[in-house]
Amino acid sequence: EAHVELMFDLQVLAFKTGITRVATLMMARDNSNTRYAGAGVAEGFHNASHHSNERRNMEQFALINAFHANLVARFLAKLRSTPDGEHDLLHNSMVLYGSSMSDANEHNFDPLPIILAGNAGGRLQGNRHLSFAQHTPMSNLLLGMLHRLDVPAAKIGDSTEPLSI
């Protein structure tokens, strides 16, 4: 938790000072068995993800995921409370948070749980829930994000078309 908080603080500082406007952070590898004391779960992440569809195990895994989502929410709050020109850093950012698995118990990666936060400096409308066709490649979202930032990429990975975000 302290490490992730520090990494988020460094991103806020880098954005605020203009050192960079692009950052990535992987909080943990999917197959990591890191234990998160702050989640209140003794089980490691990877083991908890293989919950065997048992209610108690699923609840433990949900607590870990809620803990991670809370860390991201705190990061978004820091961005929102940091002035950046006429707005704040969250308004001027596009923050993607999610997982590479929709059901880690089955190693299923469709549909992915994804949050895209921020307004990209007014280029992205917030407070919406968007749903796309089943089996839409994640790279279509990434391509749509690039297009929102005026990056003229024709394709990224296995993309088929940019998502209208």
N, C-alpha and C. Protein backbone atom coordinates (compact mmCIF):
# COMPACT_ATOMS: atom_id res chain seq x y z
N GLU A 1 0.83 -1.20 0.00
CA GLU A 1 0.00 0.00 0.00
C GLU A 1 0.87 1.25 0.00
N ALA A 2 1.88 1.27 0.86
CA ALA A 2 2.76 2.44 0.94
C ALA A 2 3.51 2.64 -0.38
N HIS A 3 3.93 1.55 -1.00
CA HIS A 3 4.64 1.63 -2.28
C HIS A 3 3.74 2.22 -3.37
N VAL A 4 2.51 1.73 -3.46
CA VAL A 4 1.57 2.22 -4.48
C VAL A 4 1.25 3.69 -4.22
N GLU A 5 1.02 4.06 -2.97
CA GLU A 5 0.76 5.47 -2.64
C GLU A 5 1.92 6.35 -3.07
N LEU A 6 3.14 5.89 -2.81
CA LEU A 6 4.33 6.65 -3.20
C LEU A 6 4.40 6.79 -4.72
N MET A 7 4.13 5.72 -5.43
CA MET A 7 4.16 5.76 -6.90
C MET A 7 3.11 6.73 -7.44
N PHE A 8 1.92 6.71 -6.85
CA PHE A 8 0.88 7.65 -7.27
C PHE A 8 1.29 9.09 -6.95
N ASP A 9 1.89 9.30 -5.79
CA ASP A 9 2.35 10.64 -5.42
C ASP A 9 3.41 11.14 -6.42
N LEU A 10 4.29 10.24 -6.84
CA LEU A 10 5.32 10.62 -7.81
C LEU A 10 4.69 10.97 -9.16
N GLN A 11 3.63 10.26 -9.54
CA GLN A 11 2.95 10.59 -10.79
C GLN A 11 2.30 11.97 -10.69
N VAL A 12 1.64 12.24 -9.59
CA VAL A 12 1.02 13.56 -9.41
C VAL A 12 2.09 14.64 -9.48
N LEU A 13 3.20 14.42 -8.81
CA LEU A 13 4.29 15.40 -8.81
C LEU A 13 4.85 15.60 -10.22
N ALA A 14 5.04 14.51 -10.95
CA ALA A 14 5.56 14.60 -12.31
C ALA A 14 4.60 15.35 -13.22
N PHE A 15 3.31 15.10 -13.08
CA PHE A 15 2.31 15.82 -13.88
C PHE A 15 2.28 17.30 -13.51
N LYS A 16 2.29 17.55 -12.20
CA LYS A 16 2.20 18.93 -11.69
C LYS A 16 3.38 19.77 -12.16
N THR A 17 4.56 19.19 -12.17
CA THR A 17 5.77 19.93 -12.54
C THR A 17 6.04 19.89 -14.03
N GLY A 18 5.25 19.13 -14.78
CA GLY A 18 5.44 19.07 -16.23
C GLY A 18 6.60 18.20 -16.67
N ILE A 19 7.13 17.39 -15.76
CA ILE A 19 8.22 16.49 -16.12
C ILE A 19 7.76 15.51 -17.19
N THR A 20 6.52 15.05 -17.05
CA THR A 20 5.93 14.15 -18.04
C THR A 20 4.42 14.30 -17.97
N ARG A 21 3.76 13.85 -19.00
CA ARG A 21 2.30 13.79 -19.03
C ARG A 21 1.84 12.36 -19.30
N VAL A 22 2.78 11.43 -19.28
CA VAL A 22 2.45 10.03 -19.52
C VAL A 22 3.10 9.18 -18.44
N ALA A 23 2.32 8.29 -17.83
CA ALA A 23 2.86 7.40 -16.80
C ALA A 23 2.06 6.10 -16.80
N THR A 24 2.71 5.04 -16.42
CA THR A 24 2.04 3.76 -16.23
C THR A 24 2.44 3.21 -14.86
N LEU A 25 1.55 2.43 -14.29
CA LEU A 25 1.85 1.77 -13.03
C LEU A 25 1.07 0.46 -12.97
N MET A 26 1.78 -0.62 -12.79
CA MET A 26 1.14 -1.91 -12.55
C MET A 26 1.25 -2.16 -11.05
N MET A 27 0.10 -2.18 -10.37
CA MET A 27 0.12 -2.35 -8.92
C MET A 27 0.62 -3.72 -8.52
N ALA A 28 0.31 -4.73 -9.33
CA ALA A 28 0.78 -6.09 -9.05
C ALA A 28 0.56 -6.94 -10.29
N ARG A 29 1.40 -7.92 -10.47
CA ARG A 29 1.20 -8.88 -11.56
C ARG A 29 0.01 -9.77 -11.20
N ASP A 30 -0.70 -10.22 -12.22
CA ASP A 30 -1.85 -11.09 -11.98
C ASP A 30 -1.48 -12.35 -11.20
N ASN A 31 -0.29 -12.88 -11.47
CA ASN A 31 0.09 -14.12 -10.78
C ASN A 31 0.88 -13.86 -9.49
N SER A 32 0.87 -12.63 -9.02
CA SER A 32 1.53 -12.30 -7.77
C SER A 32 0.71 -12.84 -6.59
N ASN A 33 1.41 -13.34 -5.61
CA ASN A 33 0.71 -13.78 -4.41
C ASN A 33 0.92 -12.78 -3.27
N THR A 34 1.09 -11.53 -3.64
CA THR A 34 1.23 -10.47 -2.65
C THR A 34 0.00 -10.45 -1.75
N ARG A 35 0.27 -10.24 -0.47
CA ARG A 35 -0.82 -10.09 0.50
C ARG A 35 -0.98 -8.61 0.80
N TYR A 36 -2.23 -8.17 0.89
CA TYR A 36 -2.53 -6.76 1.14
C TYR A 36 -3.21 -6.66 2.49
N ALA A 37 -2.41 -6.30 3.49
CA ALA A 37 -2.93 -6.19 4.86
C ALA A 37 -4.09 -5.20 4.92
N GLY A 38 -3.99 -4.11 4.16
CA GLY A 38 -5.03 -3.10 4.17
C GLY A 38 -6.37 -3.59 3.64
N ALA A 39 -6.35 -4.70 2.91
CA ALA A 39 -7.60 -5.27 2.39
C ALA A 39 -8.29 -6.12 3.45
N GLY A 40 -7.56 -6.46 4.51
CA GLY A 40 -8.15 -7.29 5.56
C GLY A 40 -8.28 -8.75 5.16
N VAL A 41 -7.44 -9.17 4.22
CA VAL A 41 -7.50 -10.55 3.71
C VAL A 41 -6.12 -11.18 3.90
N ALA A 42 -6.09 -12.36 4.47
CA ALA A 42 -4.82 -13.05 4.69
C ALA A 42 -4.31 -13.74 3.43
N GLU A 43 -5.21 -14.10 2.55
CA GLU A 43 -4.86 -14.82 1.33
C GLU A 43 -4.12 -13.92 0.35
N GLY A 44 -3.17 -14.49 -0.38
CA GLY A 44 -2.47 -13.74 -1.42
C GLY A 44 -3.37 -13.51 -2.63
N PHE A 45 -3.03 -12.53 -3.44
CA PHE A 45 -3.86 -12.11 -4.57
C PHE A 45 -4.15 -13.26 -5.54
N HIS A 46 -3.11 -13.91 -6.02
CA HIS A 46 -3.30 -14.96 -7.04
C HIS A 46 -4.12 -16.13 -6.51
N ASN A 47 -3.80 -16.58 -5.33
CA ASN A 47 -4.58 -17.68 -4.74
C ASN A 47 -6.04 -17.26 -4.55
N ALA A 48 -6.25 -16.04 -4.10
CA ALA A 48 -7.62 -15.57 -3.89
C ALA A 48 -8.39 -15.48 -5.21
N SER A 49 -7.67 -15.19 -6.30
CA SER A 49 -8.33 -15.07 -7.60
C SER A 49 -8.88 -16.41 -8.08
N HIS A 50 -8.31 -17.50 -7.62
CA HIS A 50 -8.80 -18.84 -7.96
C HIS A 50 -9.75 -19.29 -6.86
N HIS A 51 -10.91 -18.67 -6.85
CA HIS A 51 -11.86 -18.80 -5.76
C HIS A 51 -12.76 -20.03 -5.85
N SER A 52 -12.67 -20.79 -6.95
CA SER A 52 -13.47 -22.02 -7.15
C SER A 52 -14.97 -21.76 -7.05
N ASN A 53 -15.38 -20.54 -7.31
CA ASN A 53 -16.80 -20.14 -7.26
C ASN A 53 -17.44 -20.38 -5.89
N GLU A 54 -16.61 -20.40 -4.85
CA GLU A 54 -17.12 -20.53 -3.49
C GLU A 54 -17.34 -19.13 -2.93
N ARG A 55 -18.52 -18.87 -2.40
CA ARG A 55 -18.93 -17.55 -1.94
C ARG A 55 -17.90 -16.89 -1.04
N ARG A 56 -17.42 -17.59 -0.02
CA ARG A 56 -16.46 -16.99 0.92
C ARG A 56 -15.19 -16.57 0.18
N ASN A 57 -14.67 -17.43 -0.68
CA ASN A 57 -13.46 -17.10 -1.43
C ASN A 57 -13.69 -15.93 -2.37
N MET A 58 -14.86 -15.88 -3.00
CA MET A 58 -15.18 -14.78 -3.89
C MET A 58 -15.26 -13.47 -3.12
N GLU A 59 -15.80 -13.52 -1.92
CA GLU A 59 -15.88 -12.32 -1.09
C GLU A 59 -14.49 -11.84 -0.69
N GLN A 60 -13.58 -12.76 -0.39
CA GLN A 60 -12.21 -12.39 -0.05
C GLN A 60 -11.53 -11.71 -1.24
N PHE A 61 -11.71 -12.28 -2.42
CA PHE A 61 -11.12 -11.69 -3.63
C PHE A 61 -11.74 -10.32 -3.91
N ALA A 62 -13.02 -10.18 -3.68
CA ALA A 62 -13.69 -8.89 -3.86
C ALA A 62 -13.11 -7.83 -2.92
N LEU A 63 -12.77 -8.23 -1.70
CA LEU A 63 -12.16 -7.28 -0.76
C LEU A 63 -10.81 -6.78 -1.27
N ILE A 64 -10.02 -7.68 -1.84
CA ILE A 64 -8.72 -7.27 -2.39
C ILE A 64 -8.94 -6.31 -3.55
N ASN A 65 -9.89 -6.63 -4.43
CA ASN A 65 -10.15 -5.75 -5.57
C ASN A 65 -10.70 -4.40 -5.12
N ALA A 66 -11.53 -4.39 -4.10
CA ALA A 66 -12.05 -3.13 -3.57
C ALA A 66 -10.91 -2.31 -2.97
N PHE A 67 -9.97 -2.97 -2.33
CA PHE A 67 -8.80 -2.29 -1.78
C PHE A 67 -8.02 -1.61 -2.89
N HIS A 68 -7.77 -2.33 -3.99
CA HIS A 68 -7.06 -1.75 -5.13
C HIS A 68 -7.84 -0.56 -5.71
N ALA A 69 -9.14 -0.73 -5.87
CA ALA A 69 -9.96 0.35 -6.43
C ALA A 69 -9.92 1.58 -5.52
N ASN A 70 -9.86 1.36 -4.22
CA ASN A 70 -9.77 2.47 -3.27
C ASN A 70 -8.45 3.21 -3.43
N LEU A 71 -7.37 2.49 -3.68
CA LEU A 71 -6.08 3.15 -3.91
C LEU A 71 -6.16 4.04 -5.15
N VAL A 72 -6.80 3.55 -6.19
CA VAL A 72 -6.95 4.34 -7.41
C VAL A 72 -7.85 5.55 -7.16
N ALA A 73 -8.92 5.36 -6.39
CA ALA A 73 -9.80 6.48 -6.06
C ALA A 73 -9.04 7.56 -5.32
N ARG A 74 -8.14 7.17 -4.42
CA ARG A 74 -7.33 8.16 -3.70
C ARG A 74 -6.40 8.91 -4.67
N PHE A 75 -5.86 8.19 -5.65
CA PHE A 75 -5.02 8.82 -6.68
C PHE A 75 -5.85 9.83 -7.48
N LEU A 76 -7.05 9.44 -7.89
CA LEU A 76 -7.91 10.34 -8.65
C LEU A 76 -8.27 11.57 -7.81
N ALA A 77 -8.47 11.38 -6.52
CA ALA A 77 -8.77 12.51 -5.63
C ALA A 77 -7.57 13.47 -5.55
N LYS A 78 -6.36 12.91 -5.53
CA LYS A 78 -5.16 13.76 -5.51
C LYS A 78 -5.06 14.56 -6.81
N LEU A 79 -5.36 13.91 -7.93
CA LEU A 79 -5.35 14.63 -9.21
C LEU A 79 -6.38 15.75 -9.20
N ARG A 80 -7.57 15.45 -8.68
CA ARG A 80 -8.65 16.44 -8.65
C ARG A 80 -8.30 17.63 -7.74
N SER A 81 -7.55 17.39 -6.69
CA SER A 81 -7.24 18.47 -5.75
C SER A 81 -5.96 19.23 -6.12
N THR A 82 -5.36 18.88 -7.25
CA THR A 82 -4.12 19.55 -7.66
C THR A 82 -4.41 20.48 -8.83
N PRO A 83 -4.28 21.79 -8.61
CA PRO A 83 -4.54 22.75 -9.70
C PRO A 83 -3.61 22.51 -10.89
N ASP A 84 -4.16 22.74 -12.09
CA ASP A 84 -3.37 22.60 -13.31
C ASP A 84 -3.94 23.58 -14.33
N GLY A 85 -3.35 24.77 -14.39
CA GLY A 85 -3.87 25.81 -15.27
C GLY A 85 -5.24 26.26 -14.79
N GLU A 86 -6.20 26.32 -15.70
CA GLU A 86 -7.55 26.76 -15.35
C GLU A 86 -8.37 25.66 -14.70
N HIS A 87 -7.87 24.45 -14.68
CA HIS A 87 -8.61 23.31 -14.17
C HIS A 87 -7.79 22.59 -13.10
N ASP A 88 -7.92 21.29 -13.04
CA ASP A 88 -7.12 20.47 -12.12
C ASP A 88 -6.52 19.32 -12.93
N LEU A 89 -5.62 18.59 -12.30
CA LEU A 89 -4.93 17.52 -13.01
C LEU A 89 -5.88 16.42 -13.49
N LEU A 90 -6.93 16.13 -12.73
CA LEU A 90 -7.86 15.10 -13.18
C LEU A 90 -8.58 15.54 -14.45
N HIS A 91 -9.01 16.80 -14.49
CA HIS A 91 -9.66 17.31 -15.69
C HIS A 91 -8.73 17.19 -16.90
N ASN A 92 -7.45 17.43 -16.68
CA ASN A 92 -6.48 17.43 -17.78
C ASN A 92 -5.83 16.07 -18.01
N SER A 93 -6.38 15.03 -17.41
CA SER A 93 -5.80 13.68 -17.53
C SER A 93 -6.80 12.70 -18.11
N MET A 94 -6.25 11.57 -18.52
CA MET A 94 -7.05 10.41 -18.92
C MET A 94 -6.39 9.23 -18.20
N VAL A 95 -7.10 8.67 -17.22
CA VAL A 95 -6.54 7.62 -16.37
C VAL A 95 -7.30 6.32 -16.63
N LEU A 96 -6.57 5.32 -17.07
CA LEU A 96 -7.14 4.00 -17.34
C LEU A 96 -6.80 3.08 -16.18
N TYR A 97 -7.81 2.44 -15.63
CA TYR A 97 -7.62 1.47 -14.54
C TYR A 97 -8.42 0.23 -14.87
N GLY A 98 -7.81 -0.90 -14.66
CA GLY A 98 -8.55 -2.13 -14.90
C GLY A 98 -7.70 -3.35 -14.65
N SER A 99 -8.17 -4.43 -15.20
CA SER A 99 -7.54 -5.73 -15.01
C SER A 99 -7.43 -6.42 -16.35
N SER A 100 -6.52 -7.35 -16.44
CA SER A 100 -6.39 -8.14 -17.67
C SER A 100 -7.28 -9.38 -17.63
N MET A 101 -8.02 -9.54 -16.54
CA MET A 101 -8.92 -10.69 -16.39
C MET A 101 -10.30 -10.22 -15.96
N SER A 102 -11.32 -10.84 -16.53
CA SER A 102 -12.68 -10.57 -16.05
C SER A 102 -13.06 -11.62 -15.01
N ASP A 103 -12.58 -12.83 -15.19
CA ASP A 103 -12.80 -13.91 -14.22
C ASP A 103 -11.50 -14.68 -14.11
N ALA A 104 -10.68 -14.29 -13.16
CA ALA A 104 -9.37 -14.91 -13.00
C ALA A 104 -9.47 -16.38 -12.63
N ASN A 105 -10.57 -16.76 -11.99
CA ASN A 105 -10.76 -18.16 -11.64
C ASN A 105 -10.74 -19.04 -12.88
N GLU A 106 -11.29 -18.54 -13.98
CA GLU A 106 -11.35 -19.28 -15.24
C GLU A 106 -10.32 -18.80 -16.26
N HIS A 107 -9.50 -17.84 -15.88
CA HIS A 107 -8.55 -17.19 -16.80
C HIS A 107 -9.27 -16.61 -18.00
N ASN A 108 -10.44 -16.04 -17.75
CA ASN A 108 -11.26 -15.44 -18.78
C ASN A 108 -10.93 -13.95 -18.86
N PHE A 109 -10.72 -13.44 -20.05
CA PHE A 109 -10.36 -12.04 -20.21
C PHE A 109 -11.41 -11.23 -20.97
N ASP A 110 -12.64 -11.68 -20.97
CA ASP A 110 -13.69 -10.96 -21.68
C ASP A 110 -15.00 -11.12 -20.94
N PRO A 111 -15.67 -10.04 -20.58
CA PRO A 111 -15.34 -8.63 -20.77
C PRO A 111 -14.45 -8.13 -19.64
N LEU A 112 -13.58 -7.20 -19.95
CA LEU A 112 -12.66 -6.66 -18.96
C LEU A 112 -13.32 -5.57 -18.13
N PRO A 113 -13.04 -5.58 -16.82
CA PRO A 113 -13.53 -4.48 -15.97
C PRO A 113 -12.58 -3.29 -16.09
N ILE A 114 -13.06 -2.22 -16.71
CA ILE A 114 -12.21 -1.07 -17.02
C ILE A 114 -12.89 0.22 -16.56
N ILE A 115 -12.08 1.13 -16.04
CA ILE A 115 -12.53 2.49 -15.73
C ILE A 115 -11.62 3.44 -16.48
N LEU A 116 -12.21 4.40 -17.15
CA LEU A 116 -11.46 5.47 -17.79
C LEU A 116 -11.93 6.76 -17.14
N ALA A 117 -11.04 7.40 -16.39
CA ALA A 117 -11.39 8.59 -15.61
C ALA A 117 -10.68 9.82 -16.16
N GLY A 118 -11.21 10.98 -15.84
CA GLY A 118 -10.63 12.24 -16.28
C GLY A 118 -11.34 12.76 -17.51
N ASN A 119 -10.97 13.96 -17.90
CA ASN A 119 -11.61 14.60 -19.05
C ASN A 119 -10.66 14.85 -20.21
N ALA A 120 -9.41 14.45 -20.08
CA ALA A 120 -8.43 14.63 -21.15
C ALA A 120 -8.42 16.08 -21.63
N GLY A 121 -8.47 17.01 -20.70
CA GLY A 121 -8.44 18.43 -21.04
C GLY A 121 -9.67 18.89 -21.79
N GLY A 122 -10.82 18.25 -21.53
CA GLY A 122 -12.07 18.60 -22.19
C GLY A 122 -12.36 17.77 -23.42
N ARG A 123 -11.50 16.81 -23.73
CA ARG A 123 -11.68 15.97 -24.92
C ARG A 123 -12.48 14.71 -24.63
N LEU A 124 -12.77 14.47 -23.36
CA LEU A 124 -13.45 13.25 -22.97
C LEU A 124 -14.60 13.62 -22.02
N GLN A 125 -15.78 13.17 -22.33
CA GLN A 125 -16.94 13.42 -21.47
C GLN A 125 -16.96 12.38 -20.36
N GLY A 126 -17.17 12.82 -19.15
CA GLY A 126 -17.20 11.91 -18.01
C GLY A 126 -18.61 11.53 -17.60
N ASN A 127 -18.68 10.83 -16.47
CA ASN A 127 -19.95 10.43 -15.86
C ASN A 127 -20.84 9.62 -16.80
N ARG A 128 -20.22 8.68 -17.51
CA ARG A 128 -20.97 7.82 -18.42
C ARG A 128 -20.58 6.38 -18.20
N HIS A 129 -21.47 5.49 -18.54
CA HIS A 129 -21.18 4.06 -18.61
C HIS A 129 -21.34 3.66 -20.06
N LEU A 130 -20.27 3.18 -20.66
CA LEU A 130 -20.32 2.78 -22.06
C LEU A 130 -20.21 1.27 -22.13
N SER A 131 -20.98 0.70 -23.03
CA SER A 131 -20.96 -0.74 -23.22
C SER A 131 -20.71 -1.00 -24.70
N PHE A 132 -19.87 -1.98 -24.98
CA PHE A 132 -19.52 -2.29 -26.36
C PHE A 132 -19.80 -3.77 -26.63
N ALA A 133 -19.77 -4.13 -27.88
CA ALA A 133 -20.07 -5.49 -28.29
C ALA A 133 -19.15 -6.49 -27.59
N GLN A 134 -19.68 -7.69 -27.36
CA GLN A 134 -18.86 -8.74 -26.76
C GLN A 134 -17.62 -8.98 -27.61
N HIS A 135 -16.54 -9.31 -26.94
CA HIS A 135 -15.27 -9.66 -27.56
C HIS A 135 -14.61 -8.48 -28.29
N THR A 136 -14.99 -7.25 -27.93
CA THR A 136 -14.32 -6.07 -28.48
C THR A 136 -12.90 -6.05 -27.93
N PRO A 137 -11.89 -5.97 -28.80
CA PRO A 137 -10.50 -5.96 -28.29
C PRO A 137 -10.22 -4.75 -27.40
N MET A 138 -9.52 -4.99 -26.32
CA MET A 138 -9.10 -3.91 -25.42
C MET A 138 -8.28 -2.87 -26.19
N SER A 139 -7.55 -3.33 -27.19
CA SER A 139 -6.73 -2.40 -27.97
C SER A 139 -7.59 -1.39 -28.74
N ASN A 140 -8.86 -1.70 -28.97
CA ASN A 140 -9.75 -0.71 -29.59
C ASN A 140 -9.95 0.49 -28.66
N LEU A 141 -10.03 0.23 -27.35
CA LEU A 141 -10.12 1.32 -26.38
C LEU A 141 -8.82 2.12 -26.39
N LEU A 142 -7.69 1.45 -26.38
CA LEU A 142 -6.40 2.14 -26.39
C LEU A 142 -6.27 3.01 -27.64
N LEU A 143 -6.71 2.49 -28.78
CA LEU A 143 -6.67 3.26 -30.02
C LEU A 143 -7.60 4.47 -29.94
N GLY A 144 -8.79 4.29 -29.36
CA GLY A 144 -9.70 5.41 -29.16
C GLY A 144 -9.11 6.47 -28.24
N MET A 145 -8.38 6.03 -27.22
CA MET A 145 -7.71 6.98 -26.32
C MET A 145 -6.66 7.79 -27.07
N LEU A 146 -5.87 7.11 -27.90
CA LEU A 146 -4.86 7.81 -28.69
C LEU A 146 -5.51 8.85 -29.60
N HIS A 147 -6.61 8.47 -30.22
CA HIS A 147 -7.30 9.41 -31.11
C HIS A 147 -7.83 10.62 -30.35
N ARG A 148 -8.31 10.43 -29.12
CA ARG A 148 -8.77 11.56 -28.30
C ARG A 148 -7.64 12.53 -28.02
N LEU A 149 -6.41 12.02 -28.05
CA LEU A 149 -5.24 12.86 -27.79
C LEU A 149 -4.58 13.32 -29.09
N ASP A 150 -5.30 13.14 -30.19
CA ASP A 150 -4.82 13.55 -31.52
C ASP A 150 -3.56 12.83 -31.97
N VAL A 151 -3.38 11.61 -31.50
CA VAL A 151 -2.28 10.77 -31.99
C VAL A 151 -2.83 9.98 -33.18
N PRO A 152 -2.29 10.19 -34.37
CA PRO A 152 -2.87 9.61 -35.58
C PRO A 152 -2.50 8.15 -35.81
N ALA A 153 -2.66 7.32 -34.81
CA ALA A 153 -2.34 5.90 -34.96
C ALA A 153 -3.45 5.20 -35.73
N ALA A 154 -3.07 4.35 -36.67
CA ALA A 154 -4.05 3.60 -37.46
C ALA A 154 -4.42 2.29 -36.77
N LYS A 155 -3.51 1.76 -35.99
CA LYS A 155 -3.73 0.46 -35.37
C LYS A 155 -2.82 0.36 -34.15
N ILE A 156 -3.27 -0.41 -33.16
CA ILE A 156 -2.43 -0.74 -32.02
C ILE A 156 -2.76 -2.18 -31.64
N GLY A 157 -1.74 -3.02 -31.57
CA GLY A 157 -1.96 -4.43 -31.24
C GLY A 157 -2.95 -5.08 -32.17
N ASP A 158 -3.98 -5.71 -31.58
CA ASP A 158 -4.98 -6.43 -32.38
C ASP A 158 -6.24 -5.59 -32.60
N SER A 159 -6.09 -4.25 -32.55
CA SER A 159 -7.25 -3.38 -32.72
C SER A 159 -7.89 -3.58 -34.09
N THR A 160 -9.20 -3.37 -34.12
CA THR A 160 -9.93 -3.45 -35.37
C THR A 160 -10.49 -2.09 -35.76
N GLU A 161 -10.76 -1.24 -34.75
CA GLU A 161 -11.22 0.14 -34.97
C GLU A 161 -11.20 0.85 -33.62
N PRO A 162 -11.03 2.17 -33.63
CA PRO A 162 -11.03 2.89 -32.35
C PRO A 162 -12.43 2.92 -31.76
N LEU A 163 -12.52 2.74 -30.45
CA LEU A 163 -13.81 2.90 -29.79
C LEU A 163 -14.18 4.38 -29.73
N SER A 164 -15.44 4.66 -29.90
CA SER A 164 -15.94 6.02 -29.76
C SER A 164 -16.14 6.28 -28.28
N ILE A 165 -15.19 6.98 -27.71
CA ILE A 165 -15.26 7.29 -26.29
C ILE A 165 -15.47 8.77 -26.17
